Amino acid sequence: LSCEASGSISGLYLMAWYRRAPGLQRDFVANIGSAGDTTYADY
């Protein structure tokens, strides 16, 4: 999967992936900071 951001972005920001299965809540998948630090859901 690919995600592209556009527009004026200032300051520090994270980019993240979430997912939502039918009938279920939105779940965190992973994120990444500007310096490349990552966090993943256990699953």
ModelCIF file with pLDDT and N, C-alpha, C, O atoms, coordinates in Angstrom:
data_MODEL
#
_entry.id   MODEL 
#
_entity.id                         1 
_entity.type                       polymer 
_entity.pdbx_number_of_molecules   1 
#
_entity_poly.entity_id                      1 
_entity_poly.type                           'polypeptide(L)' 
_entity_poly.nstd_linkage                   no 
_entity_poly.nstd_monomer                   no 
_entity_poly.pdbx_seq_one_letter_code       LSCEASGSISGLYLMAWYRRAPGLQRDFVANIGSAGDTTYADY 
_entity_poly.pdbx_seq_one_letter_code_can   LSCEASGSISGLYLMAWYRRAPGLQRDFVANIGSAGDTTYADY 
_entity_poly.pdbx_strand_id                 A 
#
loop_
_entity_poly_seq.entity_id 
_entity_poly_seq.num 
_entity_poly_seq.mon_id 
_entity_poly_seq.hetero 
1 1  LEU n 
1 2  SER n 
1 3  CYS n 
1 4  GLU n 
1 5  ALA n 
1 6  SER n 
1 7  GLY n 
1 8  SER n 
1 9  ILE n 
1 10 SER n 
1 11 GLY n 
1 12 LEU n 
1 13 TYR n 
1 14 LEU n 
1 15 MET n 
1 16 ALA n 
1 17 TRP n 
1 18 TYR n 
1 19 ARG n 
1 20 ARG n 
1 21 ALA n 
1 22 PRO n 
1 23 GLY n 
1 24 LEU n 
1 25 GLN n 
1 26 ARG n 
1 27 ASP n 
1 28 PHE n 
1 29 VAL n 
1 30 ALA n 
1 31 ASN n 
1 32 ILE n 
1 33 GLY n 
1 34 SER n 
1 35 ALA n 
1 36 GLY n 
1 37 ASP n 
1 38 THR n 
1 39 THR n 
1 40 TYR n 
1 41 ALA n 
1 42 ASP n 
1 43 TYR n 
#
_struct_asym.id          A 
_struct_asym.entity_id   1 
#
loop_
_ma_qa_metric.id 
_ma_qa_metric.mode 
_ma_qa_metric.name 
_ma_qa_metric.software_group_id 
_ma_qa_metric.type 
1 global pLDDT . pLDDT 
2 local  pLDDT . pLDDT 
#
_ma_qa_metric_global.metric_id      1 
_ma_qa_metric_global.metric_value   92.26 
_ma_qa_metric_global.model_id       1 
_ma_qa_metric_global.ordinal_id     1 
#
loop_
_ma_qa_metric_local.label_asym_id 
_ma_qa_metric_local.label_comp_id 
_ma_qa_metric_local.label_seq_id 
_ma_qa_metric_local.metric_id 
_ma_qa_metric_local.metric_value 
_ma_qa_metric_local.model_id 
_ma_qa_metric_local.ordinal_id 
A LEU 1  2 98.00 1 1  
A SER 2  2 97.00 1 2  
A CYS 3  2 96.00 1 3  
A GLU 4  2 95.00 1 4  
A ALA 5  2 92.00 1 5  
A SER 6  2 91.00 1 6  
A GLY 7  2 88.00 1 7  
A SER 8  2 82.00 1 8  
A ILE 9  2 79.00 1 9  
A SER 10 2 76.00 1 10 
A GLY 11 2 80.00 1 11 
A LEU 12 2 82.00 1 12 
A TYR 13 2 87.00 1 13 
A LEU 14 2 92.00 1 14 
A MET 15 2 94.00 1 15 
A ALA 16 2 96.00 1 16 
A TRP 17 2 98.00 1 17 
A TYR 18 2 98.00 1 18 
A ARG 19 2 98.00 1 19 
A ARG 20 2 97.00 1 20 
A ALA 21 2 94.00 1 21 
A PRO 22 2 87.00 1 22 
A GLY 23 2 88.00 1 23 
A LEU 24 2 89.00 1 24 
A GLN 25 2 92.00 1 25 
A ARG 26 2 94.00 1 26 
A ASP 27 2 96.00 1 27 
A PHE 28 2 97.00 1 28 
A VAL 29 2 98.00 1 29 
A ALA 30 2 98.00 1 30 
A ASN 31 2 96.00 1 31 
A ILE 32 2 96.00 1 32 
A GLY 33 2 92.00 1 33 
A SER 34 2 85.00 1 34 
A ALA 35 2 87.00 1 35 
A GLY 36 2 90.00 1 36 
A ASP 37 2 94.00 1 37 
A THR 38 2 97.00 1 38 
A THR 39 2 97.00 1 39 
A TYR 40 2 97.00 1 40 
A ALA 41 2 97.00 1 41 
A ASP 42 2 96.00 1 42 
A TYR 43 2 94.00 1 43 
#
loop_
_atom_site.group_PDB 
_atom_site.id 
_atom_site.type_symbol 
_atom_site.label_atom_id 
_atom_site.label_alt_id 
_atom_site.label_comp_id 
_atom_site.label_asym_id 
_atom_site.label_entity_id 
_atom_site.label_seq_id 
_atom_site.pdbx_PDB_ins_code 
_atom_site.Cartn_x 
_atom_site.Cartn_y 
_atom_site.Cartn_z 
_atom_site.occupancy 
_atom_site.B_iso_or_equiv 
_atom_site.pdbx_formal_charge 
_atom_site.auth_seq_id 
_atom_site.auth_comp_id 
_atom_site.auth_asym_id 
_atom_site.auth_atom_id 
_atom_site.pdbx_PDB_model_num 
ATOM 1   N N  . LEU A 1 1  ? 0.830   -1.181 0.000  1.00 98.00 ? 1  LEU A N  1 
ATOM 2   C CA . LEU A 1 1  ? 0.000   0.000  0.000  1.00 98.00 ? 1  LEU A CA 1 
ATOM 3   C C  . LEU A 1 1  ? 0.872   1.241  0.000  1.00 98.00 ? 1  LEU A C  1 
ATOM 4   O O  . LEU A 1 1  ? 1.969   1.248  0.559  1.00 98.00 ? 1  LEU A O  1 
ATOM 5   N N  . SER A 1 2  ? 0.373   2.282  -0.630 1.00 97.00 ? 2  SER A N  1 
ATOM 6   C CA . SER A 1 2  ? 1.099   3.530  -0.686 1.00 97.00 ? 2  SER A CA 1 
ATOM 7   C C  . SER A 1 2  ? 0.179   4.664  -0.282 1.00 97.00 ? 2  SER A C  1 
ATOM 8   O O  . SER A 1 2  ? -1.023  4.632  -0.545 1.00 97.00 ? 2  SER A O  1 
ATOM 9   N N  . CYS A 1 3  ? 0.748   5.652  0.350  1.00 96.00 ? 3  CYS A N  1 
ATOM 10  C CA . CYS A 1 3  ? 0.012   6.831  0.801  1.00 96.00 ? 3  CYS A CA 1 
ATOM 11  C C  . CYS A 1 3  ? 0.831   8.060  0.451  1.00 96.00 ? 3  CYS A C  1 
ATOM 12  O O  . CYS A 1 3  ? 2.019   8.139  0.763  1.00 96.00 ? 3  CYS A O  1 
ATOM 13  N N  . GLU A 1 4  ? 0.190   9.010  -0.192 1.00 95.00 ? 4  GLU A N  1 
ATOM 14  C CA . GLU A 1 4  ? 0.861   10.253 -0.549 1.00 95.00 ? 4  GLU A CA 1 
ATOM 15  C C  . GLU A 1 4  ? 0.150   11.431 0.103  1.00 95.00 ? 4  GLU A C  1 
ATOM 16  O O  . GLU A 1 4  ? -1.069  11.576 0.005  1.00 95.00 ? 4  GLU A O  1 
ATOM 17  N N  . ALA A 1 5  ? 0.921   12.252 0.757  1.00 92.00 ? 5  ALA A N  1 
ATOM 18  C CA . ALA A 1 5  ? 0.393   13.465 1.370  1.00 92.00 ? 5  ALA A CA 1 
ATOM 19  C C  . ALA A 1 5  ? 0.751   14.667 0.518  1.00 92.00 ? 5  ALA A C  1 
ATOM 20  O O  . ALA A 1 5  ? 1.845   14.744 -0.042 1.00 92.00 ? 5  ALA A O  1 
ATOM 21  N N  . SER A 1 6  ? -0.169  15.591 0.426  1.00 91.00 ? 6  SER A N  1 
ATOM 22  C CA . SER A 1 6  ? 0.067   16.816 -0.321 1.00 91.00 ? 6  SER A CA 1 
ATOM 23  C C  . SER A 1 6  ? -0.411  18.007 0.491  1.00 91.00 ? 6  SER A C  1 
ATOM 24  O O  . SER A 1 6  ? -1.193  17.864 1.431  1.00 91.00 ? 6  SER A O  1 
ATOM 25  N N  . GLY A 1 7  ? 0.065   19.171 0.117  1.00 88.00 ? 7  GLY A N  1 
ATOM 26  C CA . GLY A 1 7  ? -0.269  20.375 0.843  1.00 88.00 ? 7  GLY A CA 1 
ATOM 27  C C  . GLY A 1 7  ? 0.885   20.824 1.715  1.00 88.00 ? 7  GLY A C  1 
ATOM 28  O O  . GLY A 1 7  ? 1.949   20.205 1.733  1.00 88.00 ? 7  GLY A O  1 
ATOM 29  N N  . SER A 1 8  ? 0.665   21.888 2.424  1.00 82.00 ? 8  SER A N  1 
ATOM 30  C CA . SER A 1 8  ? 1.689   22.470 3.272  1.00 82.00 ? 8  SER A CA 1 
ATOM 31  C C  . SER A 1 8  ? 1.653   21.813 4.645  1.00 82.00 ? 8  SER A C  1 
ATOM 32  O O  . SER A 1 8  ? 0.659   21.899 5.366  1.00 82.00 ? 8  SER A O  1 
ATOM 33  N N  . ILE A 1 9  ? 2.753   21.156 4.992  1.00 79.00 ? 9  ILE A N  1 
ATOM 34  C CA . ILE A 1 9  ? 2.878   20.482 6.276  1.00 79.00 ? 9  ILE A CA 1 
ATOM 35  C C  . ILE A 1 9  ? 4.007   21.141 7.051  1.00 79.00 ? 9  ILE A C  1 
ATOM 36  O O  . ILE A 1 9  ? 5.134   21.227 6.562  1.00 79.00 ? 9  ILE A O  1 
ATOM 37  N N  . SER A 1 10 ? 3.712   21.599 8.240  1.00 76.00 ? 10 SER A N  1 
ATOM 38  C CA . SER A 1 10 ? 4.701   22.267 9.064  1.00 76.00 ? 10 SER A CA 1 
ATOM 39  C C  . SER A 1 10 ? 4.905   21.509 10.368 1.00 76.00 ? 10 SER A C  1 
ATOM 40  O O  . SER A 1 10 ? 3.987   20.873 10.886 1.00 76.00 ? 10 SER A O  1 
ATOM 41  N N  . GLY A 1 11 ? 6.114   21.588 10.880 1.00 80.00 ? 11 GLY A N  1 
ATOM 42  C CA . GLY A 1 11 ? 6.425   20.966 12.147 1.00 80.00 ? 11 GLY A CA 1 
ATOM 43  C C  . GLY A 1 11 ? 6.568   19.458 12.042 1.00 80.00 ? 11 GLY A C  1 
ATOM 44  O O  . GLY A 1 11 ? 6.580   18.892 10.949 1.00 80.00 ? 11 GLY A O  1 
ATOM 45  N N  . LEU A 1 12 ? 6.674   18.824 13.189 1.00 82.00 ? 12 LEU A N  1 
ATOM 46  C CA . LEU A 1 12 ? 6.797   17.374 13.241 1.00 82.00 ? 12 LEU A CA 1 
ATOM 47  C C  . LEU A 1 12 ? 5.455   16.717 12.938 1.00 82.00 ? 12 LEU A C  1 
ATOM 48  O O  . LEU A 1 12 ? 4.401   17.232 13.310 1.00 82.00 ? 12 LEU A O  1 
ATOM 49  N N  . TYR A 1 13 ? 5.509   15.590 12.269 1.00 87.00 ? 13 TYR A N  1 
ATOM 50  C CA . TYR A 1 13 ? 4.283   14.861 11.996 1.00 87.00 ? 13 TYR A CA 1 
ATOM 51  C C  . TYR A 1 13 ? 4.577   13.379 11.855 1.00 87.00 ? 13 TYR A C  1 
ATOM 52  O O  . TYR A 1 13 ? 5.674   12.975 11.470 1.00 87.00 ? 13 TYR A O  1 
ATOM 53  N N  . LEU A 1 14 ? 3.578   12.588 12.174 1.00 92.00 ? 14 LEU A N  1 
ATOM 54  C CA . LEU A 1 14 ? 3.620   11.155 11.986 1.00 92.00 ? 14 LEU A CA 1 
ATOM 55  C C  . LEU A 1 14 ? 2.775   10.780 10.783 1.00 92.00 ? 14 LEU A C  1 
ATOM 56  O O  . LEU A 1 14 ? 1.841   11.494 10.418 1.00 92.00 ? 14 LEU A O  1 
ATOM 57  N N  . MET A 1 15 ? 3.109   9.665  10.176 1.00 94.00 ? 15 MET A N  1 
ATOM 58  C CA . MET A 1 15 ? 2.235   9.052  9.198  1.00 94.00 ? 15 MET A CA 1 
ATOM 59  C C  . MET A 1 15 ? 1.925   7.644  9.679  1.00 94.00 ? 15 MET A C  1 
ATOM 60  O O  . MET A 1 15 ? 2.800   6.938  10.181 1.00 94.00 ? 15 MET A O  1 
ATOM 61  N N  . ALA A 1 16 ? 0.683   7.250  9.520  1.00 96.00 ? 16 ALA A N  1 
ATOM 62  C CA . ALA A 1 16 ? 0.224   6.016  10.133 1.00 96.00 ? 16 ALA A CA 1 
ATOM 63  C C  . ALA A 1 16 ? -0.746  5.283  9.224  1.00 96.00 ? 16 ALA A C  1 
ATOM 64  O O  . ALA A 1 16 ? -1.351  5.871  8.328  1.00 96.00 ? 16 ALA A O  1 
ATOM 65  N N  . TRP A 1 17 ? -0.881  3.992  9.472  1.00 98.00 ? 17 TRP A N  1 
ATOM 66  C CA . TRP A 1 17 ? -1.886  3.165  8.834  1.00 98.00 ? 17 TRP A CA 1 
ATOM 67  C C  . TRP A 1 17 ? -2.826  2.612  9.896  1.00 98.00 ? 17 TRP A C  1 
ATOM 68  O O  . TRP A 1 17 ? -2.395  2.138  10.947 1.00 98.00 ? 17 TRP A O  1 
ATOM 69  N N  . TYR A 1 18 ? -4.109  2.682  9.601  1.00 98.00 ? 18 TYR A N  1 
ATOM 70  C CA . TYR A 1 18 ? -5.154  2.066  10.394 1.00 98.00 ? 18 TYR A CA 1 
ATOM 71  C C  . TYR A 1 18 ? -5.978  1.175  9.474  1.00 98.00 ? 18 TYR A C  1 
ATOM 72  O O  . TYR A 1 18 ? -5.899  1.290  8.251  1.00 98.00 ? 18 TYR A O  1 
ATOM 73  N N  . ARG A 1 19 ? -6.764  0.291  10.067 1.00 98.00 ? 19 ARG A N  1 
ATOM 74  C CA . ARG A 1 19 ? -7.646  -0.531 9.260  1.00 98.00 ? 19 ARG A CA 1 
ATOM 75  C C  . ARG A 1 19 ? -8.963  -0.753 9.978  1.00 98.00 ? 19 ARG A C  1 
ATOM 76  O O  . ARG A 1 19 ? -9.040  -0.711 11.205 1.00 98.00 ? 19 ARG A O  1 
ATOM 77  N N  . ARG A 1 20 ? -10.006 -0.993 9.177  1.00 97.00 ? 20 ARG A N  1 
ATOM 78  C CA . ARG A 1 20 ? -11.331 -1.224 9.711  1.00 97.00 ? 20 ARG A CA 1 
ATOM 79  C C  . ARG A 1 20 ? -11.973 -2.379 8.957  1.00 97.00 ? 20 ARG A C  1 
ATOM 80  O O  . ARG A 1 20 ? -12.259 -2.273 7.764  1.00 97.00 ? 20 ARG A O  1 
ATOM 81  N N  . ALA A 1 21 ? -12.197 -3.481 9.663  1.00 94.00 ? 21 ALA A N  1 
ATOM 82  C CA . ALA A 1 21 ? -12.886 -4.629 9.089  1.00 94.00 ? 21 ALA A CA 1 
ATOM 83  C C  . ALA A 1 21 ? -14.388 -4.440 9.229  1.00 94.00 ? 21 ALA A C  1 
ATOM 84  O O  . ALA A 1 21 ? -14.837 -3.704 10.108 1.00 94.00 ? 21 ALA A O  1 
ATOM 85  N N  . PRO A 1 22 ? -15.177 -5.096 8.372  1.00 87.00 ? 22 PRO A N  1 
ATOM 86  C CA . PRO A 1 22 ? -16.629 -4.937 8.457  1.00 87.00 ? 22 PRO A CA 1 
ATOM 87  C C  . PRO A 1 22 ? -17.169 -5.286 9.831  1.00 87.00 ? 22 PRO A C  1 
ATOM 88  O O  . PRO A 1 22 ? -16.890 -6.361 10.361 1.00 87.00 ? 22 PRO A O  1 
ATOM 89  N N  . GLY A 1 23 ? -17.938 -4.383 10.402 1.00 88.00 ? 23 GLY A N  1 
ATOM 90  C CA . GLY A 1 23 ? -18.557 -4.608 11.694 1.00 88.00 ? 23 GLY A CA 1 
ATOM 91  C C  . GLY A 1 23 ? -17.649 -4.419 12.888 1.00 88.00 ? 23 GLY A C  1 
ATOM 92  O O  . GLY A 1 23 ? -18.085 -4.609 14.024 1.00 88.00 ? 23 GLY A O  1 
ATOM 93  N N  . LEU A 1 24 ? -16.400 -4.051 12.667 1.00 89.00 ? 24 LEU A N  1 
ATOM 94  C CA . LEU A 1 24 ? -15.445 -3.898 13.750 1.00 89.00 ? 24 LEU A CA 1 
ATOM 95  C C  . LEU A 1 24 ? -14.951 -2.462 13.839 1.00 89.00 ? 24 LEU A C  1 
ATOM 96  O O  . LEU A 1 24 ? -15.156 -1.659 12.929 1.00 89.00 ? 24 LEU A O  1 
ATOM 97  N N  . GLN A 1 25 ? -14.302 -2.159 14.940 1.00 92.00 ? 25 GLN A N  1 
ATOM 98  C CA . GLN A 1 25 ? -13.770 -0.818 15.133 1.00 92.00 ? 25 GLN A CA 1 
ATOM 99  C C  . GLN A 1 25 ? -12.493 -0.620 14.328 1.00 92.00 ? 25 GLN A C  1 
ATOM 100 O O  . GLN A 1 25 ? -11.869 -1.577 13.871 1.00 92.00 ? 25 GLN A O  1 
ATOM 101 N N  . ARG A 1 26 ? -12.131 0.616  14.170 1.00 94.00 ? 26 ARG A N  1 
ATOM 102 C CA . ARG A 1 26 ? -10.885 0.955  13.503 1.00 94.00 ? 26 ARG A CA 1 
ATOM 103 C C  . ARG A 1 26 ? -9.706  0.589  14.392 1.00 94.00 ? 26 ARG A C  1 
ATOM 104 O O  . ARG A 1 26 ? -9.683  0.931  15.575 1.00 94.00 ? 26 ARG A O  1 
ATOM 105 N N  . ASP A 1 27 ? -8.735  -0.102 13.825 1.00 96.00 ? 27 ASP A N  1 
ATOM 106 C CA . ASP A 1 27 ? -7.575  -0.567 14.574 1.00 96.00 ? 27 ASP A CA 1 
ATOM 107 C C  . ASP A 1 27 ? -6.298  0.065  14.047 1.00 96.00 ? 27 ASP A C  1 
ATOM 108 O O  . ASP A 1 27 ? -6.143  0.294  12.847 1.00 96.00 ? 27 ASP A O  1 
ATOM 109 N N  . PHE A 1 28 ? -5.404  0.335  14.956 1.00 97.00 ? 28 PHE A N  1 
ATOM 110 C CA . PHE A 1 28 ? -4.074  0.811  14.601 1.00 97.00 ? 28 PHE A CA 1 
ATOM 111 C C  . PHE A 1 28 ? -3.269  -0.313 13.970 1.00 97.00 ? 28 PHE A C  1 
ATOM 112 O O  . PHE A 1 28 ? -3.333  -1.457 14.420 1.00 97.00 ? 28 PHE A O  1 
ATOM 113 N N  . VAL A 1 29 ? -2.513  0.011  12.930 1.00 98.00 ? 29 VAL A N  1 
ATOM 114 C CA . VAL A 1 29 ? -1.655  -0.950 12.257 1.00 98.00 ? 29 VAL A CA 1 
ATOM 115 C C  . VAL A 1 29 ? -0.181  -0.620 12.480 1.00 98.00 ? 29 VAL A C  1 
ATOM 116 O O  . VAL A 1 29 ? 0.574   -1.448 12.991 1.00 98.00 ? 29 VAL A O  1 
ATOM 117 N N  . ALA A 1 30 ? 0.224   0.584  12.098 1.00 98.00 ? 30 ALA A N  1 
ATOM 118 C CA . ALA A 1 30 ? 1.623   0.980  12.214 1.00 98.00 ? 30 ALA A CA 1 
ATOM 119 C C  . ALA A 1 30 ? 1.740   2.480  12.027 1.00 98.00 ? 30 ALA A C  1 
ATOM 120 O O  . ALA A 1 30 ? 0.875   3.109  11.418 1.00 98.00 ? 30 ALA A O  1 
ATOM 121 N N  . ASN A 1 31 ? 2.808   3.045  12.551 1.00 96.00 ? 31 ASN A N  1 
ATOM 122 C CA . ASN A 1 31 ? 3.109   4.436  12.244 1.00 96.00 ? 31 ASN A CA 1 
ATOM 123 C C  . ASN A 1 31 ? 4.610   4.621  12.107 1.00 96.00 ? 31 ASN A C  1 
ATOM 124 O O  . ASN A 1 31 ? 5.402   3.752  12.471 1.00 96.00 ? 31 ASN A O  1 
ATOM 125 N N  . ILE A 1 32 ? 4.977   5.772  11.572 1.00 96.00 ? 32 ILE A N  1 
ATOM 126 C CA . ILE A 1 32 ? 6.381   6.092  11.361 1.00 96.00 ? 32 ILE A CA 1 
ATOM 127 C C  . ILE A 1 32 ? 6.569   7.584  11.526 1.00 96.00 ? 32 ILE A C  1 
ATOM 128 O O  . ILE A 1 32 ? 5.779   8.376  11.012 1.00 96.00 ? 32 ILE A O  1 
ATOM 129 N N  . GLY A 1 33 ? 7.611   7.969  12.240 1.00 92.00 ? 33 GLY A N  1 
ATOM 130 C CA . GLY A 1 33 ? 7.920   9.359  12.463 1.00 92.00 ? 33 GLY A CA 1 
ATOM 131 C C  . GLY A 1 33 ? 8.836   9.915  11.396 1.00 92.00 ? 33 GLY A C  1 
ATOM 132 O O  . GLY A 1 33 ? 9.288   9.200  10.501 1.00 92.00 ? 33 GLY A O  1 
ATOM 133 N N  . SER A 1 34 ? 9.100   11.202 11.508 1.00 85.00 ? 34 SER A N  1 
ATOM 134 C CA . SER A 1 34 ? 9.925   11.880 10.512 1.00 85.00 ? 34 SER A CA 1 
ATOM 135 C C  . SER A 1 34 ? 11.336  11.308 10.446 1.00 85.00 ? 34 SER A C  1 
ATOM 136 O O  . SER A 1 34 ? 11.952  11.295 9.380  1.00 85.00 ? 34 SER A O  1 
ATOM 137 N N  . ALA A 1 35 ? 11.844  10.841 11.569 1.00 87.00 ? 35 ALA A N  1 
ATOM 138 C CA . ALA A 1 35 ? 13.187  10.275 11.623 1.00 87.00 ? 35 ALA A CA 1 
ATOM 139 C C  . ALA A 1 35 ? 13.222  8.798  11.277 1.00 87.00 ? 35 ALA A C  1 
ATOM 140 O O  . ALA A 1 35 ? 14.295  8.193  11.284 1.00 87.00 ? 35 ALA A O  1 
ATOM 141 N N  . GLY A 1 36 ? 12.087  8.208  10.976 1.00 90.00 ? 36 GLY A N  1 
ATOM 142 C CA . GLY A 1 36 ? 12.037  6.814  10.595 1.00 90.00 ? 36 GLY A CA 1 
ATOM 143 C C  . GLY A 1 36 ? 11.741  5.848  11.718 1.00 90.00 ? 36 GLY A C  1 
ATOM 144 O O  . GLY A 1 36 ? 11.761  4.636  11.501 1.00 90.00 ? 36 GLY A O  1 
ATOM 145 N N  . ASP A 1 37 ? 11.467  6.341  12.906 1.00 94.00 ? 37 ASP A N  1 
ATOM 146 C CA . ASP A 1 37 ? 11.105  5.475  14.012 1.00 94.00 ? 37 ASP A CA 1 
ATOM 147 C C  . ASP A 1 37 ? 9.719   4.884  13.777 1.00 94.00 ? 37 ASP A C  1 
ATOM 148 O O  . ASP A 1 37 ? 8.800   5.587  13.357 1.00 94.00 ? 37 ASP A O  1 
ATOM 149 N N  . THR A 1 38 ? 9.573   3.594  14.048 1.00 97.00 ? 38 THR A N  1 
ATOM 150 C CA . THR A 1 38 ? 8.350   2.879  13.705 1.00 97.00 ? 38 THR A CA 1 
ATOM 151 C C  . THR A 1 38 ? 7.711   2.236  14.922 1.00 97.00 ? 38 THR A C  1 
ATOM 152 O O  . THR A 1 38 ? 8.377   1.914  15.906 1.00 97.00 ? 38 THR A O  1 
ATOM 153 N N  . THR A 1 39 ? 6.405   2.060  14.829 1.00 97.00 ? 39 THR A N  1 
ATOM 154 C CA . THR A 1 39 ? 5.628   1.342  15.820 1.00 97.00 ? 39 THR A CA 1 
ATOM 155 C C  . THR A 1 39 ? 4.648   0.440  15.088 1.00 97.00 ? 39 THR A C  1 
ATOM 156 O O  . THR A 1 39 ? 4.034   0.855  14.105 1.00 97.00 ? 39 THR A O  1 
ATOM 157 N N  . TYR A 1 40 ? 4.498   -0.800 15.566 1.00 97.00 ? 40 TYR A N  1 
ATOM 158 C CA . TYR A 1 40 ? 3.613   -1.769 14.935 1.00 97.00 ? 40 TYR A CA 1 
ATOM 159 C C  . TYR A 1 40 ? 2.634   -2.346 15.936 1.00 97.00 ? 40 TYR A C  1 
ATOM 160 O O  . TYR A 1 40 ? 2.955   -2.528 17.110 1.00 97.00 ? 40 TYR A O  1 
ATOM 161 N N  . ALA A 1 41 ? 1.439   -2.631 15.455 1.00 97.00 ? 41 ALA A N  1 
ATOM 162 C CA . ALA A 1 41 ? 0.514   -3.433 16.230 1.00 97.00 ? 41 ALA A CA 1 
ATOM 163 C C  . ALA A 1 41 ? 1.050   -4.858 16.329 1.00 97.00 ? 41 ALA A C  1 
ATOM 164 O O  . ALA A 1 41 ? 1.719   -5.345 15.416 1.00 97.00 ? 41 ALA A O  1 
ATOM 165 N N  . ASP A 1 42 ? 0.751   -5.519 17.441 1.00 96.00 ? 42 ASP A N  1 
ATOM 166 C CA . ASP A 1 42 ? 1.286   -6.860 17.660 1.00 96.00 ? 42 ASP A CA 1 
ATOM 167 C C  . ASP A 1 42 ? 0.875   -7.836 16.561 1.00 96.00 ? 42 ASP A C  1 
ATOM 168 O O  . ASP A 1 42 ? 1.652   -8.716 16.192 1.00 96.00 ? 42 ASP A O  1 
ATOM 169 N N  . TYR A 1 43 ? -0.323  -7.689 16.044 1.00 94.00 ? 43 TYR A N  1 
ATOM 170 C CA . TYR A 1 43 ? -0.830  -8.677 15.100 1.00 94.00 ? 43 TYR A CA 1 
ATOM 171 C C  . TYR A 1 43 ? -0.232  -8.554 13.704 1.00 94.00 ? 43 TYR A C  1 
ATOM 172 O O  . TYR A 1 43 ? -0.577  -9.330 12.814 1.00 94.00 ? 43 TYR A O  1 
#
